[in-house]
Amino acid sequence: MTSPTPSIGFSTCDLCDSLKADTSGAIRWLPGSLYRSYGGFDRFAGPIATVRCLEDNSLVKAAVESFGAGRVLVVDGGGSLRRALLGGNLGASAAKNGWAGVLIHGAVRDLQELKAASVGIFALGHVPMPTDRRGQGVEDVPVQIEGHWLRPGEWIYADEDGVVVTPGPVHPAH
């Protein structure tokens, strides 16, 4: 099963245009320059699921090997670029299991395989070194990335212009 991401017609710029008057603090954004696109799709959106781990991708593996249901896995890897939290096999699993995307505040590897996966994948960078799986980390908890809290169930929209987080699905006027 593949993600419905290719048919999603949104732009983070359009979202921000339609939400710019919101002063509640519920709308958050991360600059596009922070993340690089590594997956087969450069645009993805969906409800957030989270994993927080440092240089151990045990829970990332478990997540992408489970049914994604169009969700986006947000991985708080502490910004570490020492070990890759997602590689080609896990990217393929994410695509096969219906994840819309994976956003990693850390590193990935196997770039050619990731680009071939039918899933959106954003990460800070890449490194060839894999992680050791020690069963460490937590899942389905709020994570803080670049000073912004991202919570399971909120929505994330990601494209080449940046990443926007909202309390729920948003349909901007075009």
Protein backbone atom coordinates (compact mmCIF):
# COMPACT_ATOMS: atom_id res chain seq x y z
CA MET A 1 0.00 0.00 0.00
CA THR A 2 1.35 3.40 -0.88
CA SER A 3 0.81 6.82 0.57
CA PRO A 4 -1.80 9.18 -0.90
CA THR A 5 0.78 11.97 -0.87
CA PRO A 6 1.19 12.54 -4.65
CA SER A 7 -2.42 13.71 -4.97
CA ILE A 8 -2.16 16.19 -2.08
CA GLY A 9 -2.52 19.66 -3.53
CA PHE A 10 -1.14 22.06 -0.96
CA SER A 11 1.66 24.53 -0.63
CA THR A 12 3.10 25.53 2.73
CA CYS A 13 3.23 29.10 1.40
CA ASP A 14 -0.52 28.98 0.65
CA LEU A 15 -1.14 27.54 4.11
CA CYS A 16 0.84 30.33 5.73
CA ASP A 17 -0.98 32.94 3.61
CA SER A 18 -4.32 31.63 4.83
CA LEU A 19 -3.19 31.28 8.46
CA LYS A 20 -1.05 34.42 8.90
CA ALA A 21 -3.70 36.22 10.99
CA ASP A 22 -3.73 33.41 13.58
CA THR A 23 -2.01 34.77 16.69
CA SER A 24 -2.90 31.84 18.96
CA GLY A 25 0.52 30.20 18.62
CA ALA A 26 -1.15 26.99 17.43
CA ILE A 27 0.41 27.35 13.96
CA ARG A 28 4.14 26.65 13.88
CA TRP A 29 6.63 26.48 11.02
CA LEU A 30 10.17 25.38 10.39
CA PRO A 31 12.25 26.89 7.58
CA GLY A 32 12.74 24.90 4.40
CA SER A 33 16.49 25.37 4.69
CA LEU A 34 16.51 23.22 7.83
CA TYR A 35 15.56 19.97 6.08
CA ARG A 36 16.54 18.29 2.86
CA SER A 37 14.19 16.03 0.89
CA TYR A 38 15.50 12.48 0.53
CA GLY A 39 12.38 10.47 -0.36
CA GLY A 40 10.49 9.83 -3.56
CA PHE A 41 8.02 12.63 -2.76
CA ASP A 42 9.04 16.25 -2.05
CA ARG A 43 5.67 17.10 -0.49
CA PHE A 44 3.71 15.26 2.19
CA ALA A 45 1.11 15.87 4.86
CA GLY A 46 -0.75 14.00 7.54
CA PRO A 47 -1.35 13.53 11.24
CA ILE A 48 1.78 13.26 13.37
CA ALA A 49 3.12 10.16 15.11
CA THR A 50 6.34 10.64 17.09
CA VAL A 51 9.51 8.88 18.16
CA ARG A 52 12.25 10.41 20.29
CA CYS A 53 15.57 8.58 20.14
CA LEU A 54 19.28 9.32 19.99
CA GLU A 55 21.42 7.27 17.62
CA ASP A 56 19.19 4.20 18.11
CA ASN A 57 16.52 3.53 15.49
CA SER A 58 14.77 0.60 17.19
CA LEU A 59 11.49 2.51 17.55
CA VAL A 60 11.80 4.07 14.08
CA LYS A 61 12.03 0.56 12.64
CA ALA A 62 9.01 -0.61 14.65
CA ALA A 63 6.99 2.42 13.56
CA VAL A 64 7.63 2.22 9.80
CA GLU A 65 7.05 -1.53 9.85
CA SER A 66 3.55 -0.89 11.24
CA PHE A 67 0.51 0.48 9.39
CA GLY A 68 1.05 4.19 8.76
CA ALA A 69 -2.51 5.09 7.71
CA GLY A 70 -1.30 8.25 5.92
CA ARG A 71 0.44 9.60 9.03
CA VAL A 72 3.78 11.40 9.20
CA LEU A 73 6.41 9.98 11.54
CA VAL A 74 8.32 12.79 13.26
CA VAL A 75 11.61 11.50 14.68
CA ASP A 76 13.42 13.66 17.21
CA GLY A 77 16.96 12.36 16.85
CA GLY A 78 18.38 15.24 18.85
CA GLY A 79 19.78 16.76 15.67
CA SER A 80 22.58 14.18 15.65
CA LEU A 81 24.35 13.59 12.35
CA ARG A 82 26.60 10.85 13.79
CA ARG A 83 24.28 7.88 13.01
CA ALA A 84 21.53 7.41 10.41
CA LEU A 85 18.08 6.80 11.88
CA LEU A 86 16.53 5.76 8.54
CA GLY A 87 18.00 3.91 5.58
CA GLY A 88 16.79 2.27 2.40
CA ASN A 89 15.12 -0.76 3.96
CA LEU A 90 13.17 1.33 6.47
CA GLY A 91 12.26 3.89 3.80
CA ALA A 92 10.83 1.07 1.68
CA SER A 93 8.91 -0.21 4.72
CA ALA A 94 7.44 3.24 5.35
CA ALA A 95 6.23 3.40 1.73
CA LYS A 96 4.86 -0.16 1.78
CA ASN A 97 3.00 0.44 5.04
CA GLY A 98 1.23 3.63 3.97
CA TRP A 99 3.18 6.35 5.78
CA ALA A 100 2.74 9.73 4.08
CA GLY A 101 6.14 10.88 5.23
CA VAL A 102 8.97 10.79 7.72
CA LEU A 103 10.58 13.92 9.13
CA ILE A 104 13.86 13.19 10.91
CA HIS A 105 15.61 15.72 13.10
CA GLY A 106 18.79 13.78 12.47
CA ALA A 107 20.42 11.80 9.67
CA VAL A 108 19.50 9.24 7.00
CA ARG A 109 21.54 6.96 4.71
CA ASP A 110 21.17 4.89 1.50
CA LEU A 111 20.24 7.95 -0.54
CA GLN A 112 19.52 6.17 -3.83
CA GLU A 113 17.18 3.71 -2.11
CA LEU A 114 15.39 6.49 -0.22
CA LYS A 115 14.80 8.46 -3.43
CA ALA A 116 13.22 5.33 -4.96
CA ALA A 117 10.79 4.93 -2.02
CA SER A 118 7.24 6.20 -2.61
CA VAL A 119 7.20 8.26 0.56
CA GLY A 120 8.24 11.75 1.61
CA ILE A 121 11.41 11.82 3.71
CA PHE A 122 12.95 14.99 5.15
CA ALA A 123 16.07 14.98 7.32
CA LEU A 124 18.77 17.35 8.49
CA GLY A 125 21.47 15.47 6.60
CA HIS A 126 22.96 12.11 5.75
CA VAL A 127 25.78 9.89 6.97
CA PRO A 128 26.73 6.32 5.99
CA MET A 129 26.99 5.02 9.59
CA PRO A 130 23.98 3.01 10.84
CA THR A 131 22.73 2.97 14.41
CA ASP A 132 23.08 0.23 16.95
CA ARG A 133 19.67 -1.08 17.98
CA ARG A 134 19.53 -1.07 21.76
CA GLY A 135 15.76 -0.70 22.20
CA GLN A 136 16.08 2.84 23.53
CA GLY A 137 13.76 5.79 22.98
CA VAL A 138 10.12 6.71 23.49
CA GLU A 139 7.15 6.91 21.15
CA ASP A 140 3.90 8.87 20.96
CA VAL A 141 5.17 11.74 23.12
CA PRO A 142 5.42 15.46 22.34
CA VAL A 143 8.80 16.28 20.81
CA GLN A 144 10.52 19.63 20.67
CA ILE A 145 12.29 20.53 17.43
CA GLU A 146 13.97 23.89 16.95
CA GLY A 147 12.01 25.30 19.89
CA HIS A 148 8.60 24.13 18.61
CA TRP A 149 6.51 21.41 20.22
CA LEU A 150 5.06 18.82 17.83
CA ARG A 151 2.45 16.53 19.30
CA PRO A 152 0.97 13.22 18.17
CA GLY A 153 -2.29 13.85 16.33
CA GLU A 154 -1.42 17.37 15.16
CA TRP A 155 -0.97 17.81 11.42
CA ILE A 156 2.24 18.43 9.53
CA TYR A 157 2.57 19.82 6.01
CA ALA A 158 6.01 19.65 4.39
CA ASP A 159 7.31 20.81 1.02
CA GLU A 160 10.33 22.54 -0.47
CA ASP A 161 9.37 25.83 1.19
CA GLY A 162 9.22 24.50 4.74
CA VAL A 163 7.28 22.58 7.34
CA VAL A 164 4.00 23.82 8.86
CA VAL A 165 2.38 22.27 11.93
CA THR A 166 -1.31 22.83 12.72
CA PRO A 167 -3.68 21.47 15.38
CA GLY A 168 -5.67 19.61 12.69
CA PRO A 169 -6.17 19.37 8.94
CA VAL A 170 -6.27 22.72 7.12
CA HIS A 171 -7.72 23.51 3.72
CA PRO A 172 -6.39 26.86 2.50
CA ALA A 173 -8.40 28.98 0.10
CA HIS A 174 -6.64 29.24 -3.23
